Amino acid sequence: MKKIYLTVIIIGFLFTSAFSQFGGNEEYRYLSIKAGFTNSFLDNQPDSIGSKFLKSPYGDMQLIPDENYFGYTTGYYGSIHYNYDLESGNVGVVFGAAYNSYGISAKYHTPNENYWLIENQYVSNVSFPVYIKFGKDYYDKQFYIYAGGSYDMNLLLRQTEEVGWRTDILNTELDKNMLLKKNISGIFGINYMFLNIEANYVFGGFLNKDYQLLLYDGQQTVKPYELFPDKVLYIKAGLTIPLNSWTPRQIYSLEKWFRKVFK
């Protein structure tokens, strides 16, 4: 992952230099990169089977959903964006490409609550966001809000299982047929200096509601994600780094401030 981020930064600086020479005004035409963590919330189980059967050293266990479990799941993201700002400094249009990994989490336990299972399902996708940003002379402080949408191409689905009777975590790549191939997401975010917070509202979720699963008896089939929510919300929290002369100036200002405070 470090190599990927380093490659993105190098390519970004090369493109920034090219655009700067071509356009002649890097204050309004420049690239930026974003990276950080995703945070998603879902407080109900992802499937609609109602119960699970799990093999354990103590025999086959029937598990039921833990209705009091708060499903919080973390992931990560990295993206590169081209900023086309109006010279008024109040409005701009941004086009980008991003890699996202986010997920959902559910907990199950035995009827007597002696044993439990936490199941996380993560989707990895490539998205292409487009949004409009608004602010008041936002170049100096990079303080603006933005809204728009993105086209998401889902690549793979994986699952982790953590159980109460062992310390290791089982990581499995799931059938791609369980995954929707594409999504549309709504975007709303706020940026201040290097800090960025963005909400992504995924329409339709990312699990395929028409996927059919063979039950434990080997005879019946069900659609496990038929009742999956029609949307998933996840929050991005991370850094925005403009690839122009603004960034080195701000880093120098921060360094001077730290010297004054901690001398």
Protein backbone atom coordinates (compact mmCIF):
# COMPACT_ATOMS: atom_id res chain seq x y z
CA MET A 1 0.00 0.00 0.00
CA LYS A 2 2.89 2.40 0.73
CA LYS A 3 4.25 1.79 -2.77
CA ILE A 4 0.84 2.61 -4.27
CA TYR A 5 0.57 5.90 -2.37
CA LEU A 6 4.15 6.85 -3.31
CA THR A 7 3.42 6.13 -6.98
CA VAL A 8 0.25 8.26 -6.83
CA ILE A 9 2.19 11.16 -5.29
CA ILE A 10 4.94 11.00 -7.92
CA ILE A 11 2.45 10.84 -10.79
CA GLY A 12 0.48 13.66 -9.21
CA PHE A 13 3.49 15.96 -9.04
CA LEU A 14 4.33 15.21 -12.68
CA PHE A 15 0.79 15.99 -13.81
CA THR A 16 0.68 19.12 -11.66
CA SER A 17 3.84 20.40 -13.28
CA ALA A 18 2.43 19.69 -16.72
CA PHE A 19 -0.90 21.40 -16.03
CA SER A 20 0.84 24.37 -14.42
CA GLN A 21 3.02 24.95 -17.46
CA PHE A 22 0.08 24.49 -19.81
CA GLY A 23 -2.47 26.56 -17.94
CA GLY A 24 -0.13 29.14 -16.43
CA ASN A 25 -2.10 29.47 -13.16
CA GLU A 26 -1.70 26.65 -10.65
CA GLU A 27 -3.82 28.49 -8.09
CA TYR A 28 -6.94 27.55 -10.05
CA ARG A 29 -5.87 24.44 -12.01
CA TYR A 30 -4.12 21.75 -10.01
CA LEU A 31 -4.17 18.15 -8.82
CA SER A 32 -4.70 16.98 -5.25
CA ILE A 33 -4.49 13.62 -3.53
CA LYS A 34 -6.60 12.31 -0.66
CA ALA A 35 -5.97 9.38 1.65
CA GLY A 36 -7.34 8.16 4.96
CA PHE A 37 -9.81 5.79 6.61
CA THR A 38 -13.40 4.81 5.90
CA ASN A 39 -15.90 4.40 8.73
CA SER A 40 -19.20 2.63 8.12
CA PHE A 41 -22.17 1.95 10.34
CA LEU A 42 -24.83 -0.75 10.04
CA ASP A 43 -26.70 -2.02 13.10
CA ASN A 44 -28.43 -5.04 11.56
CA GLN A 45 -27.22 -8.26 10.01
CA PRO A 46 -26.34 -8.16 6.29
CA ASP A 47 -28.34 -11.26 5.34
CA SER A 48 -31.94 -12.25 5.99
CA ILE A 49 -31.59 -15.96 6.76
CA GLY A 50 -32.39 -15.33 10.43
CA SER A 51 -29.90 -17.75 11.96
CA LYS A 52 -26.55 -19.37 11.23
CA PHE A 53 -25.02 -22.75 11.86
CA LEU A 54 -21.32 -22.81 12.60
CA LYS A 55 -18.96 -25.71 13.15
CA SER A 56 -16.85 -25.48 16.30
CA PRO A 57 -14.76 -27.74 18.56
CA TYR A 58 -17.92 -28.08 20.64
CA GLY A 59 -20.09 -29.30 17.75
CA ASP A 60 -22.48 -27.50 15.39
CA MET A 61 -23.85 -24.28 16.86
CA GLN A 62 -26.95 -22.35 15.96
CA LEU A 63 -26.34 -18.61 16.08
CA ILE A 64 -28.92 -15.82 16.17
CA PRO A 65 -28.37 -12.12 15.43
CA ASP A 66 -27.30 -9.87 18.29
CA GLU A 67 -29.86 -7.08 17.96
CA ASN A 68 -27.95 -4.82 20.39
CA TYR A 69 -24.70 -4.90 18.41
CA PHE A 70 -23.56 -1.59 16.90
CA GLY A 71 -21.87 -2.49 13.61
CA TYR A 72 -18.89 -0.16 13.15
CA THR A 73 -16.37 -1.10 10.47
CA THR A 74 -13.18 0.62 9.32
CA GLY A 75 -11.41 0.54 5.96
CA TYR A 76 -9.22 2.86 3.89
CA TYR A 77 -9.17 4.92 0.71
CA GLY A 78 -6.82 6.78 -1.62
CA SER A 79 -7.68 9.12 -4.51
CA ILE A 80 -6.38 11.69 -6.95
CA HIS A 81 -8.40 14.70 -8.17
CA TYR A 82 -8.17 17.46 -10.76
CA ASN A 83 -9.41 20.81 -9.45
CA TYR A 84 -10.82 23.35 -11.90
CA ASP A 85 -11.55 26.47 -9.85
CA LEU A 86 -13.08 29.73 -11.02
CA GLU A 87 -10.84 32.74 -10.52
CA SER A 88 -13.40 34.23 -8.16
CA GLY A 89 -12.14 31.71 -5.58
CA ASN A 90 -15.69 30.78 -4.58
CA VAL A 91 -16.68 27.86 -6.84
CA GLY A 92 -14.84 24.97 -8.41
CA VAL A 93 -15.44 21.66 -10.17
CA VAL A 94 -13.49 18.52 -9.22
CA PHE A 95 -13.01 15.27 -11.16
CA GLY A 96 -11.28 12.28 -9.61
CA ALA A 97 -10.50 8.59 -9.38
CA ALA A 98 -10.41 6.68 -6.08
CA TYR A 99 -9.81 3.27 -4.55
CA ASN A 100 -12.11 2.50 -1.59
CA SER A 101 -12.36 -0.35 0.88
CA TYR A 102 -15.31 -0.23 3.28
CA GLY A 103 -17.61 -2.75 4.90
CA ILE A 104 -20.41 -3.76 7.20
CA SER A 105 -20.34 -5.70 10.46
CA ALA A 106 -22.78 -8.00 12.27
CA LYS A 107 -22.64 -10.08 15.45
CA TYR A 108 -24.30 -13.43 16.21
CA HIS A 109 -24.41 -15.50 19.38
CA THR A 110 -25.79 -18.77 20.68
CA PRO A 111 -29.24 -18.59 22.36
CA ASN A 112 -27.58 -18.79 25.79
CA GLU A 113 -25.02 -16.12 24.67
CA ASN A 114 -22.05 -18.28 25.70
CA TYR A 115 -20.46 -18.16 22.25
CA TRP A 116 -20.44 -15.48 19.57
CA LEU A 117 -19.39 -14.67 15.99
CA ILE A 118 -18.52 -11.27 14.51
CA GLU A 119 -18.74 -11.20 10.74
CA ASN A 120 -17.35 -8.36 8.60
CA GLN A 121 -17.93 -8.04 4.87
CA TYR A 122 -15.68 -5.66 2.92
CA VAL A 123 -16.10 -4.41 -0.63
CA SER A 124 -13.21 -3.00 -2.67
CA ASN A 125 -14.03 -0.69 -5.54
CA VAL A 126 -12.73 1.93 -7.94
CA SER A 127 -14.88 5.05 -8.08
CA PHE A 128 -14.98 8.17 -10.24
CA PRO A 129 -16.25 11.14 -8.21
CA VAL A 130 -17.43 14.46 -9.64
CA TYR A 131 -18.44 17.28 -7.35
CA ILE A 132 -18.78 21.04 -7.02
CA LYS A 133 -17.04 22.85 -4.17
CA PHE A 134 -18.14 26.11 -2.59
CA GLY A 135 -16.33 28.55 -0.34
CA LYS A 136 -15.23 32.14 0.17
CA ASP A 137 -11.76 32.83 -1.21
CA TYR A 138 -10.92 29.25 -0.21
CA TYR A 139 -7.48 28.99 -1.78
CA ASP A 140 -5.46 30.31 1.21
CA LYS A 141 -7.20 28.16 3.85
CA GLN A 142 -8.58 25.45 1.55
CA PHE A 143 -11.83 25.81 3.52
CA TYR A 144 -14.82 24.72 1.47
CA ILE A 145 -17.79 22.39 1.34
CA TYR A 146 -18.60 20.20 -1.63
CA ALA A 147 -21.36 17.98 -3.00
CA GLY A 148 -21.75 15.65 -5.94
CA GLY A 149 -21.74 11.96 -6.81
CA SER A 150 -19.58 9.08 -7.98
CA TYR A 151 -19.80 6.05 -10.23
CA ASP A 152 -18.48 2.98 -8.38
CA MET A 153 -17.14 -0.20 -9.97
CA ASN A 154 -17.06 -2.99 -7.36
CA LEU A 155 -14.08 -5.34 -7.69
CA LEU A 156 -14.21 -7.95 -4.94
CA LEU A 157 -15.95 -8.97 -1.73
CA ARG A 158 -14.20 -10.52 1.25
CA GLN A 159 -15.31 -11.64 4.67
CA THR A 160 -13.61 -11.88 8.04
CA GLU A 161 -14.91 -14.05 10.88
CA GLU A 162 -13.93 -13.62 14.51
CA VAL A 163 -15.30 -16.14 17.01
CA GLY A 164 -15.25 -16.25 20.78
CA TRP A 165 -13.43 -19.59 21.15
CA ARG A 166 -10.28 -18.82 19.15
CA THR A 167 -7.88 -15.90 18.71
CA ASP A 168 -7.22 -16.04 14.95
CA ILE A 169 -9.43 -14.28 12.38
CA LEU A 170 -10.59 -16.16 9.29
CA ASN A 171 -10.30 -14.11 6.07
CA THR A 172 -12.17 -15.37 2.97
CA GLU A 173 -12.77 -13.97 -0.50
CA LEU A 174 -16.46 -14.44 -1.33
CA ASP A 175 -18.24 -15.32 -4.55
CA LYS A 176 -18.31 -12.27 -6.85
CA ASN A 177 -21.93 -13.08 -7.68
CA MET A 178 -22.80 -11.89 -4.16
CA LEU A 179 -21.58 -8.45 -5.17
CA LEU A 180 -23.27 -5.78 -7.25
CA LYS A 181 -21.00 -4.84 -10.15
CA LYS A 182 -21.66 -1.11 -9.90
CA ASN A 183 -23.21 1.59 -7.72
CA ILE A 184 -24.01 5.27 -7.71
CA SER A 185 -23.06 7.20 -4.57
CA GLY A 186 -23.96 10.65 -3.31
CA ILE A 187 -21.13 12.73 -1.83
CA PHE A 188 -21.07 15.56 0.69
CA GLY A 189 -17.90 16.77 2.37
CA ILE A 190 -16.01 19.56 4.11
CA ASN A 191 -12.34 20.45 3.83
CA TYR A 192 -10.15 22.69 5.98
CA MET A 193 -6.43 23.02 5.27
CA PHE A 194 -5.17 19.41 5.02
CA LEU A 195 -8.12 17.85 6.88
CA ASN A 196 -11.08 16.32 5.04
CA ILE A 197 -14.34 14.64 6.10
CA GLU A 198 -16.69 13.17 3.50
CA ALA A 199 -19.98 11.28 3.68
CA ASN A 200 -20.71 8.69 0.99
CA TYR A 201 -24.31 7.53 0.57
CA VAL A 202 -24.30 4.32 -1.49
CA PHE A 203 -27.63 3.82 -3.27
CA GLY A 204 -28.70 0.18 -3.37
CA GLY A 205 -25.92 -1.04 -1.08
CA PHE A 206 -23.30 -3.34 -2.55
CA LEU A 207 -24.73 -6.85 -1.99
CA ASN A 208 -26.71 -8.60 -4.72
CA LYS A 209 -30.30 -9.11 -3.55
CA ASP A 210 -30.93 -11.68 -6.30
CA TYR A 211 -28.06 -13.95 -5.26
CA GLN A 212 -29.27 -17.46 -4.33
CA LEU A 213 -27.64 -19.58 -1.63
CA LEU A 214 -28.07 -23.32 -1.02
CA LEU A 215 -29.16 -23.94 2.58
CA TYR A 216 -27.55 -26.29 5.06
CA ASP A 217 -29.89 -29.16 4.17
CA GLY A 218 -28.52 -29.13 0.60
CA GLN A 219 -32.00 -28.93 -0.94
CA GLN A 220 -33.52 -25.49 -0.41
CA THR A 221 -32.24 -22.18 -1.78
CA VAL A 222 -32.78 -18.68 -0.40
CA LYS A 223 -31.88 -15.15 -1.37
CA PRO A 224 -29.75 -14.21 1.65
CA TYR A 225 -29.49 -10.48 0.87
CA GLU A 226 -33.09 -9.96 -0.23
CA LEU A 227 -33.83 -7.77 2.81
CA PHE A 228 -30.51 -5.94 2.79
CA PRO A 229 -30.95 -2.15 3.27
CA ASP A 230 -31.27 -0.09 0.10
CA LYS A 231 -28.41 2.18 1.11
CA VAL A 232 -25.14 2.15 3.00
CA LEU A 233 -23.54 5.20 4.59
CA TYR A 234 -19.83 5.43 5.21
CA ILE A 235 -17.64 8.34 6.26
CA LYS A 236 -14.18 9.14 4.94
CA ALA A 237 -11.79 10.92 7.29
CA GLY A 238 -8.30 11.78 6.12
CA LEU A 239 -5.96 14.25 4.48
CA THR A 240 -6.13 16.37 1.34
CA ILE A 241 -2.80 17.39 -0.19
CA PRO A 242 -2.90 19.93 -3.05
CA LEU A 243 -0.04 19.28 -5.45
CA ASN A 244 0.94 22.89 -6.06
CA SER A 245 2.88 25.68 -4.35
CA TRP A 246 0.24 26.02 -1.59
CA THR A 247 1.37 22.84 0.19
CA PRO A 248 5.08 23.65 0.70
CA ARG A 249 4.13 27.15 1.90
CA GLN A 250 1.74 25.75 4.49
CA ILE A 251 4.22 23.13 5.67
CA TYR A 252 6.80 25.89 6.16
CA SER A 253 4.25 27.97 8.13
CA LEU A 254 3.41 24.98 10.34
CA GLU A 255 7.08 24.35 10.98
CA LYS A 256 7.59 27.98 12.08
CA TRP A 257 4.54 27.74 14.37
CA PHE A 258 5.84 24.56 16.02
CA ARG A 259 9.23 26.21 16.57
CA LYS A 260 7.61 29.15 18.31
CA VAL A 261 5.39 27.02 20.52
CA PHE A 262 7.91 24.33 21.48
CA LYS A 263 11.19 26.28 21.54
